[in-house]
Structure formats: C-alpha cells, structure tokens
C-alpha cells in the first residue's frame, strides 16, 4: 500500500512538471499560457504553450504586468535591469577631442583620427552613446546645411548681378522675372542652409565640450623648485 501511494505521488509530480507552463499577464487584461524562451530589456520571446512547435512570438515588456513561471517564481514589470557601463580604454586620455573632416568618424583625438568603432567606444556618456545619438545626426545637419547654404549664396549673388546688368543694359522683362525668382529661391536655400549649419554646429560643439570638459582626464598641475642657469627658479607643470 505504501509503495502504491509513493508511485501515485511520483506520477502526479511528473505530470505536474510536464504540464506546468509560464503565464504572461498583459496590461490589456489578457493571460497567455506560454513557454518563455528569453527576456531582455525591451521584449519577452515565447511560444504558445499549446503550440510549442509553432513560431516564436514577442511581446514588449512595457505591455506586461507580470509573469508567473512554471517553477513558482514571479517577475513584476517594468523589471528594473541593472545597467553596467563599459568604460572604454583610451590610449591618450589627456588629449582633447576635435572635429576633423578627413576622419572616418569626423573626430580626431590628439593626433589620432578616430574610426567609427573608436568613436562609439569613446563617447559613452551617462549610459548613452552620444556618438550615435548626437554626433552622427549633427554631421548630417552640417552637410545638409553646406549643400543648401553655398548654392543659395551663389544663386543670390548671380541673380543680383544679372538683375543689375539687366537694369543698366537690356531692360528685358523676362530676365528681370528670372533674376527675381533666382533671388527668392537663393534666399530660401541660403536661409535653410544657415539654420541647418547653426543647429549642426551647436550639436557638434556640445559633443566636443561634453568630452573635453566632463569626460577627458585633465592633466595634473604642479609647482616645483628647480635649478636654472642663473640660480633657482619655480617650474609650473601642467
């Protein structure tokens, strides 16, 4: 009788393990019986429990209230995931960062042209990649600004020259209209280009200032006494 009871308990335990599933509770009130495959910062990947041969599905963690796991554990969402910032190894941490058009990334550190990979590792500020999020966009704005600004300037000057020539020599109505339209279009291009250039330049300066003022390791300043050709003097080291 005792053996029979133990056998029954063993069978029930095995059945419970085989039939246990994870349960996802979403914010819209629905409940999903699933098999969790993985969880990362933004999504949960799972398979429907009744269709485990089917495709994997995903749900955003922001759409989840909680997950009850088959082993009895529970996760509440939004789940706080600890962020560990990777501190890049910088060969010359005392050098200033600056813009360089010939650099693949548009950046130069000291005398070293930075690749895009170098810049991505270098410009991690308070957990954010400011190279990807700010610098690249700022460079594009600067490029767009230049592509509008200079043609607009040429069009303004050229149209003004044609207009002056027409007034003084030919007095042609068609030329007058064309030069007037050219001045309007040129002014529009010039203004739009100037705005893009200013915005792009200010964002680029923000990235450079952020690194040079907040991230760069400053050199130590020291004052020491040292011998000179005329006696003893003070030496200031930066």
Foldseek 3Di string as FASTA:
>chain_A
DVVVVVVVVVVVVVVLLVPFFKWWQFPVGDIATWHWDDDDLFKTWTGGPVCNVDDIDIDTLVGTQKMQGSVGDIDGPPDDDDDDDDQDDDPDLAFAKDADPPACLRIDTHNRRDHPVRLQNHQQDPNDRCSVVFLVVLVVLLVLLVVLQVVLVVLLVVLVVQCVCCVVPPVDPVSNVVSVVSNVSSVVSNVSSVVSNVVSVVSNVVSRCCCNPPNGDHDDWDKDWDADPVGIDIDIDD
